[in-house]
């Protein structure tokens, strides 16, 4: 599963918004 797709799925879950933001930021900073 692509990171962008994974992030998009999580983003659809409002309660996971902060987690998604932190996770995606960490991934993009690392890669």
N, C-alpha and C. Protein backbone atom coordinates (compact mmCIF):
# COMPACT_ATOMS: atom_id res chain seq x y z
N UNK A 1 0.85 -1.21 0.00
CA UNK A 1 0.00 0.00 0.00
C UNK A 1 0.88 1.25 0.00
N UNK A 2 0.55 2.16 -0.89
CA UNK A 2 1.32 3.40 -0.96
C UNK A 2 1.05 4.28 0.26
N UNK A 3 2.05 5.03 0.65
CA UNK A 3 1.92 5.92 1.81
C UNK A 3 0.81 6.93 1.58
N UNK A 4 0.76 7.50 0.38
CA UNK A 4 -0.26 8.51 0.06
C UNK A 4 -1.66 7.94 0.21
N UNK A 5 -1.84 6.69 -0.22
CA UNK A 5 -3.14 6.04 -0.10
C UNK A 5 -3.48 5.80 1.35
N UNK A 6 -2.48 5.33 2.10
CA UNK A 6 -2.66 5.05 3.52
C UNK A 6 -3.05 6.33 4.26
N UNK A 7 -2.36 7.43 3.93
CA UNK A 7 -2.64 8.71 4.56
C UNK A 7 -4.04 9.19 4.20
N UNK A 8 -4.43 8.98 2.97
CA UNK A 8 -5.76 9.41 2.52
C UNK A 8 -6.85 8.69 3.29
N UNK A 9 -6.65 7.38 3.49
CA UNK A 9 -7.62 6.59 4.24
C UNK A 9 -7.73 7.08 5.67
N UNK A 10 -6.58 7.32 6.31
CA UNK A 10 -6.59 7.81 7.69
C UNK A 10 -7.20 9.20 7.77
N UNK A 11 -6.94 10.01 6.76
CA UNK A 11 -7.44 11.38 6.77
C UNK A 11 -8.97 11.41 6.77
N UNK A 12 -9.58 10.35 6.19
CA UNK A 12 -11.04 10.26 6.16
C UNK A 12 -11.61 10.07 7.57
N UNK A 13 -10.75 9.60 8.47
CA UNK A 13 -11.18 9.42 9.86
C UNK A 13 -10.78 10.67 10.65
N UNK A 14 -11.74 11.52 10.94
CA UNK A 14 -11.45 12.79 11.59
C UNK A 14 -10.70 12.64 12.92
N UNK A 15 -11.06 11.63 13.68
CA UNK A 15 -10.42 11.44 14.98
C UNK A 15 -8.95 11.08 14.84
N UNK A 16 -8.56 10.66 13.62
CA UNK A 16 -7.17 10.29 13.39
C UNK A 16 -6.39 11.40 12.70
N UNK A 17 -6.99 12.56 12.61
CA UNK A 17 -6.36 13.66 11.88
C UNK A 17 -4.95 13.98 12.38
N UNK A 18 -4.80 14.13 13.68
CA UNK A 18 -3.49 14.48 14.23
C UNK A 18 -2.50 13.35 14.01
N UNK A 19 -2.92 12.13 14.24
CA UNK A 19 -2.05 10.98 14.03
C UNK A 19 -1.61 10.92 12.57
N UNK A 20 -2.54 11.14 11.67
CA UNK A 20 -2.23 11.11 10.23
C UNK A 20 -1.21 12.17 9.88
N UNK A 21 -1.41 13.37 10.42
CA UNK A 21 -0.49 14.47 10.16
C UNK A 21 0.92 14.14 10.63
N UNK A 22 1.03 13.66 11.83
CA UNK A 22 2.34 13.32 12.40
C UNK A 22 2.98 12.16 11.65
N UNK A 23 2.18 11.16 11.36
CA UNK A 23 2.70 9.98 10.66
C UNK A 23 3.20 10.35 9.27
N UNK A 24 2.38 11.05 8.51
CA UNK A 24 2.75 11.44 7.15
C UNK A 24 3.97 12.36 7.16
N UNK A 25 4.02 13.26 8.11
CA UNK A 25 5.16 14.18 8.20
C UNK A 25 6.44 13.40 8.48
N UNK A 26 6.34 12.45 9.40
CA UNK A 26 7.52 11.64 9.74
C UNK A 26 7.98 10.84 8.54
N UNK A 27 7.05 10.25 7.83
CA UNK A 27 7.39 9.43 6.66
C UNK A 27 8.05 10.28 5.58
N UNK A 28 7.46 11.43 5.28
CA UNK A 28 8.01 12.28 4.23
C UNK A 28 9.36 12.88 4.62
N UNK A 29 9.55 13.11 5.90
CA UNK A 29 10.84 13.65 6.34
C UNK A 29 11.91 12.57 6.27
N UNK A 30 11.53 11.34 6.57
CA UNK A 30 12.48 10.24 6.54
C UNK A 30 12.80 9.81 5.11
N UNK A 31 11.81 9.93 4.22
CA UNK A 31 12.00 9.50 2.83
C UNK A 31 11.85 10.68 1.89
